[in-house]
């Protein structure tokens, strides 16, 4: 993970409230495209607007990854400020981590995230590392939005689960049931990525239940009722994998 600086000098008398709003929208668009990890605040100095976002790669803010909405917000800011938007590499996070997929081709993808995850929810099925969303060139702006929307919903459910209070059972069902609203949304995202990349995409089903490991291993795919227990864990995480339904899961930690 890397920290970057995004800044623009204000060389005009343009309304600062409008500049501020446009800058915030720019940061939001960069988050949607996966170029930054989001959750960062923007600041005004005497004549600058500045943000220090996190990125997955050192070159995540390269203009070649911009979608049309990012380019539009940058153009508006540059016209209104009479200045160029600047990006600057600040440094690498400690502890050092370069856990980003470097594969030239992908055998498959997995859609997976957690409440702790500050990374791409698209996982490479070849190396097990996250694939930056902006590197999937075929994705449209709407596709990027749909991925971000599902990811936000999943993290919200996982937070309820980890809170062990309000909504815990409902949240677990959303994450573990292949027919839940959350899963349907995620499976739709998987189908769309598979359609445009021609690469199979698997959806992760959460598994947390009080059950013996023997019974857990006897579970069948919840969609087709086929056998899906693997002889060896896939990518060091997944114990179950159904190639027909494109579903993966793990043995329950409560087994």
Protein backbone atom coordinates (compact mmCIF):
# COMPACT_ATOMS: atom_id res chain seq x y z
CA UNK A 1 0.00 0.00 0.00
CA UNK A 2 1.25 3.48 -0.87
CA UNK A 3 0.38 7.00 0.22
CA UNK A 4 -0.02 9.71 -2.37
CA UNK A 5 -0.66 13.43 -2.38
CA UNK A 6 -3.30 14.99 -4.63
CA UNK A 7 -3.28 18.79 -4.69
CA UNK A 8 -4.24 21.81 -6.73
CA UNK A 9 -3.28 25.47 -6.25
CA UNK A 10 -6.10 28.03 -6.40
CA UNK A 11 -5.05 30.82 -8.78
CA UNK A 12 -8.48 32.35 -9.21
CA UNK A 13 -11.38 33.93 -7.33
CA UNK A 14 -13.67 30.98 -8.02
CA UNK A 15 -16.15 30.07 -5.29
CA UNK A 16 -14.27 27.96 -2.74
CA UNK A 17 -17.39 26.01 -1.74
CA UNK A 18 -17.86 24.86 -5.34
CA UNK A 19 -14.16 24.00 -5.60
CA UNK A 20 -14.35 22.03 -2.38
CA UNK A 21 -17.44 20.11 -3.53
CA UNK A 22 -15.85 19.29 -6.89
CA UNK A 23 -12.65 18.08 -5.23
CA UNK A 24 -14.63 15.82 -2.90
CA UNK A 25 -16.48 14.37 -5.91
CA UNK A 26 -13.14 13.77 -7.64
CA UNK A 27 -11.90 11.79 -4.63
CA UNK A 28 -15.16 9.82 -4.65
CA UNK A 29 -14.75 9.00 -8.35
CA UNK A 30 -11.14 7.88 -7.80
CA UNK A 31 -12.39 5.61 -5.03
CA UNK A 32 -15.06 4.12 -7.29
CA UNK A 33 -12.51 3.36 -10.01
CA UNK A 34 -10.28 1.66 -7.44
CA UNK A 35 -7.43 4.12 -7.94
CA UNK A 36 -7.58 5.11 -4.28
CA UNK A 37 -8.88 3.18 -1.30
CA UNK A 38 -11.20 5.94 -0.10
CA UNK A 39 -11.93 7.18 3.39
CA UNK A 40 -9.51 10.07 3.10
CA UNK A 41 -10.23 13.69 4.07
CA UNK A 42 -9.48 16.71 1.94
CA UNK A 43 -7.97 19.93 3.30
CA UNK A 44 -7.84 23.61 2.45
CA UNK A 45 -4.62 25.55 2.99
CA UNK A 46 -4.35 29.24 2.21
CA UNK A 47 -4.41 28.66 -1.55
CA UNK A 48 -4.51 24.89 -2.04
CA UNK A 49 -6.80 21.90 -1.74
CA UNK A 50 -4.95 18.75 -0.66
CA UNK A 51 -5.74 15.08 -0.03
CA UNK A 52 -3.47 12.22 1.09
CA UNK A 53 -5.10 8.99 -0.17
CA UNK A 54 -3.85 5.41 -0.08
CA UNK A 55 -3.30 3.46 -3.31
CA UNK A 56 -2.62 -0.18 -4.14
CA UNK A 57 0.23 0.62 -6.52
CA UNK A 58 2.73 3.41 -6.90
CA UNK A 59 1.24 4.37 -10.27
CA UNK A 60 -2.46 3.95 -9.37
CA UNK A 61 -3.09 7.65 -10.06
CA UNK A 62 -1.61 7.50 -13.57
CA UNK A 63 -4.02 9.21 -15.97
CA UNK A 64 -4.17 6.07 -18.14
CA UNK A 65 -6.40 4.51 -15.46
CA UNK A 66 -8.84 7.46 -15.28
CA UNK A 67 -12.42 6.97 -16.38
CA UNK A 68 -14.35 9.78 -18.06
CA UNK A 69 -15.79 11.04 -14.76
CA UNK A 70 -12.37 11.36 -13.14
CA UNK A 71 -11.13 13.26 -16.21
CA UNK A 72 -14.19 15.54 -16.12
CA UNK A 73 -13.69 16.46 -12.44
CA UNK A 74 -10.00 17.14 -13.02
CA UNK A 75 -10.78 19.36 -16.01
CA UNK A 76 -13.36 21.34 -14.03
CA UNK A 77 -10.95 21.89 -11.14
CA UNK A 78 -8.09 22.90 -13.40
CA UNK A 79 -10.30 25.34 -15.33
CA UNK A 80 -11.77 26.86 -12.18
CA UNK A 81 -8.45 27.09 -10.31
CA UNK A 82 -6.40 28.14 -13.33
CA UNK A 83 -3.84 25.50 -12.33
CA UNK A 84 -2.91 21.88 -12.95
CA UNK A 85 -3.86 19.09 -10.56
CA UNK A 86 -0.71 17.53 -9.09
CA UNK A 87 -0.12 14.01 -7.81
CA UNK A 88 2.93 13.10 -5.78
CA UNK A 89 4.16 9.83 -4.32
CA UNK A 90 4.66 10.29 -0.56
CA UNK A 91 5.85 6.90 0.63
CA UNK A 92 5.20 3.22 1.22
CA UNK A 93 3.19 2.05 4.20
CA UNK A 94 4.85 0.40 7.18
CA UNK A 95 4.79 -2.55 7.47
CA UNK A 96 5.73 -2.86 3.82
CA UNK A 97 3.16 -4.68 1.71
CA UNK A 98 3.09 -5.15 -2.06
CA UNK A 99 0.32 -7.74 -2.10
CA UNK A 100 -1.07 -6.91 -5.56
CA UNK A 101 -1.49 -9.36 -8.43
CA UNK A 102 1.29 -9.20 -11.01
CA UNK A 103 -0.03 -11.97 -13.28
CA UNK A 104 -0.19 -11.23 -17.01
CA UNK A 105 -3.19 -13.52 -17.41
CA UNK A 106 -5.79 -14.85 -14.97
CA UNK A 107 -7.23 -18.37 -14.83
CA UNK A 108 -10.11 -17.06 -12.75
CA UNK A 109 -11.20 -14.39 -10.26
CA UNK A 110 -12.87 -14.50 -6.85
CA UNK A 111 -15.14 -11.75 -5.50
CA UNK A 112 -14.28 -11.50 -1.82
CA UNK A 113 -13.88 -8.88 0.91
CA UNK A 114 -14.16 -8.44 4.70
CA UNK A 115 -14.79 -5.62 7.16
CA UNK A 116 -11.00 -5.26 7.59
CA UNK A 117 -10.09 -5.31 3.92
CA UNK A 118 -8.56 -2.19 2.43
CA UNK A 119 -7.92 -3.69 -0.95
CA UNK A 120 -9.56 -4.66 -4.21
CA UNK A 121 -12.45 -7.12 -3.77
CA UNK A 122 -11.41 -8.85 -7.00
CA UNK A 123 -8.93 -11.64 -6.24
CA UNK A 124 -6.74 -13.38 -8.81
CA UNK A 125 -7.51 -17.09 -9.02
CA UNK A 126 -3.95 -17.81 -10.13
CA UNK A 127 -1.88 -16.15 -7.37
CA UNK A 128 -4.50 -15.25 -4.75
CA UNK A 129 -3.56 -11.57 -4.65
CA UNK A 130 -5.96 -8.65 -5.21
CA UNK A 131 -6.42 -7.30 -8.73
CA UNK A 132 -6.88 -3.49 -8.84
CA UNK A 133 -10.29 -2.75 -10.33
CA UNK A 134 -8.81 -0.15 -12.69
CA UNK A 135 -6.61 -2.84 -14.26
CA UNK A 136 -9.67 -4.68 -15.59
CA UNK A 137 -9.84 -2.55 -18.71
CA UNK A 138 -13.17 -3.89 -19.92
CA UNK A 139 -15.11 -2.54 -16.94
CA UNK A 140 -17.46 0.35 -17.61
CA UNK A 141 -18.15 3.18 -15.16
CA UNK A 142 -21.37 1.41 -14.16
CA UNK A 143 -19.50 -1.85 -13.61
CA UNK A 144 -17.07 -0.06 -11.28
CA UNK A 145 -20.00 1.47 -9.42
CA UNK A 146 -21.70 -1.93 -9.04
CA UNK A 147 -18.52 -3.46 -7.61
CA UNK A 148 -18.08 -0.60 -5.15
CA UNK A 149 -21.76 -0.78 -4.17
CA UNK A 150 -21.64 -4.53 -3.48
CA UNK A 151 -18.37 -4.15 -1.58
CA UNK A 152 -19.82 -1.44 0.65
CA UNK A 153 -22.91 -3.53 1.37
CA UNK A 154 -20.83 -6.61 2.20
CA UNK A 155 -18.53 -4.68 4.55
CA UNK A 156 -21.60 -3.20 6.27
CA UNK A 157 -22.97 -6.71 6.84
CA UNK A 158 -19.60 -7.94 8.09
CA UNK A 159 -19.42 -5.04 10.54
CA UNK A 160 -22.83 -6.04 11.93
CA UNK A 161 -21.57 -9.61 12.20
CA UNK A 162 -18.42 -8.57 14.06
CA UNK A 163 -20.41 -6.27 16.32
CA UNK A 164 -22.24 -9.36 17.65
CA UNK A 165 -25.26 -7.28 18.59
CA UNK A 166 -27.76 -5.54 16.32
CA UNK A 167 -28.44 -7.41 13.07
CA UNK A 168 -25.79 -10.11 13.52
CA UNK A 169 -27.96 -13.08 12.46
CA UNK A 170 -29.43 -11.16 9.53
CA UNK A 171 -25.95 -10.10 8.37
CA UNK A 172 -24.57 -13.65 8.57
CA UNK A 173 -27.49 -14.89 6.46
CA UNK A 174 -26.83 -12.20 3.88
CA UNK A 175 -23.18 -13.27 3.60
CA UNK A 176 -23.70 -17.04 3.76
CA UNK A 177 -26.93 -17.66 1.84
CA UNK A 178 -26.50 -17.92 -1.93
CA UNK A 179 -30.08 -16.67 -2.41
CA UNK A 180 -29.80 -13.56 -0.20
CA UNK A 181 -30.10 -10.07 -1.64
CA UNK A 182 -26.40 -9.45 -0.99
CA UNK A 183 -25.35 -12.69 -2.67
CA UNK A 184 -27.59 -12.08 -5.67
CA UNK A 185 -25.98 -8.66 -6.07
CA UNK A 186 -22.50 -10.16 -5.80
CA UNK A 187 -23.26 -13.01 -8.20
CA UNK A 188 -24.55 -10.45 -10.71
CA UNK A 189 -21.22 -8.62 -10.43
CA UNK A 190 -19.38 -11.92 -10.92
CA UNK A 191 -21.42 -12.72 -14.03
CA UNK A 192 -20.71 -9.28 -15.47
CA UNK A 193 -16.95 -9.53 -14.90
CA UNK A 194 -16.95 -13.03 -16.39
CA UNK A 195 -18.91 -11.81 -19.41
CA UNK A 196 -16.54 -9.00 -20.30
CA UNK A 197 -13.24 -10.70 -19.43
CA UNK A 198 -14.16 -14.25 -20.53
CA UNK A 199 -12.62 -15.45 -17.26
CA UNK A 200 -14.64 -17.46 -14.69
CA UNK A 201 -15.46 -15.52 -11.52
CA UNK A 202 -16.28 -17.24 -8.22
CA UNK A 203 -18.35 -15.79 -5.39
CA UNK A 204 -17.35 -16.38 -1.76
CA UNK A 205 -19.99 -17.58 0.69
CA UNK A 206 -19.26 -16.87 4.35
CA UNK A 207 -19.46 -19.93 6.63
CA UNK A 208 -19.76 -19.47 10.39
CA UNK A 209 -21.86 -22.02 12.20
CA UNK A 210 -21.66 -24.33 15.19
CA UNK A 211 -21.14 -27.64 13.43
CA UNK A 212 -18.62 -30.48 13.69
CA UNK A 213 -15.85 -30.47 11.11
CA UNK A 214 -17.07 -33.89 9.96
CA UNK A 215 -20.54 -32.54 9.19
CA UNK A 216 -19.10 -29.36 7.72
CA UNK A 217 -17.10 -31.40 5.22
CA UNK A 218 -20.25 -33.27 4.19
CA UNK A 219 -21.98 -30.07 3.12
CA UNK A 220 -22.85 -29.86 -0.56
CA UNK A 221 -23.05 -26.87 -2.87
CA UNK A 222 -26.10 -24.91 -1.69
CA UNK A 223 -27.19 -24.20 -5.27
CA UNK A 224 -26.81 -27.46 -7.21
CA UNK A 225 -26.36 -29.89 -4.28
CA UNK A 226 -23.19 -31.21 -5.92
CA UNK A 227 -19.99 -32.20 -4.16
CA UNK A 228 -17.69 -29.23 -3.71
CA UNK A 229 -15.24 -30.13 -0.91
CA UNK A 230 -11.66 -29.80 -2.17
CA UNK A 231 -8.87 -32.25 -1.38
CA UNK A 232 -6.54 -29.30 -0.83
CA UNK A 233 -7.32 -25.68 0.00
CA UNK A 234 -7.47 -23.43 -3.01
CA UNK A 235 -5.32 -20.28 -2.72
CA UNK A 236 -4.76 -21.12 0.94
CA UNK A 237 -8.28 -20.05 1.92
CA UNK A 238 -11.09 -21.89 0.15
CA UNK A 239 -12.09 -25.44 1.20
CA UNK A 240 -15.15 -25.65 -1.04
CA UNK A 241 -15.40 -24.86 -4.76
CA UNK A 242 -18.24 -25.50 -7.20
CA UNK A 243 -17.16 -24.97 -10.80
CA UNK A 244 -20.74 -25.28 -12.01
CA UNK A 245 -22.26 -22.62 -9.78
CA UNK A 246 -19.05 -20.57 -9.41
CA UNK A 247 -19.23 -20.60 -5.61
CA UNK A 248 -16.43 -20.98 -3.05
CA UNK A 249 -16.45 -21.19 0.74
CA UNK A 250 -14.33 -22.23 3.72
CA UNK A 251 -14.74 -24.59 6.65
CA UNK A 252 -16.41 -22.87 9.58
CA UNK A 253 -14.08 -21.41 12.18
CA UNK A 254 -16.62 -22.62 14.73
CA UNK A 255 -16.28 -26.28 13.65
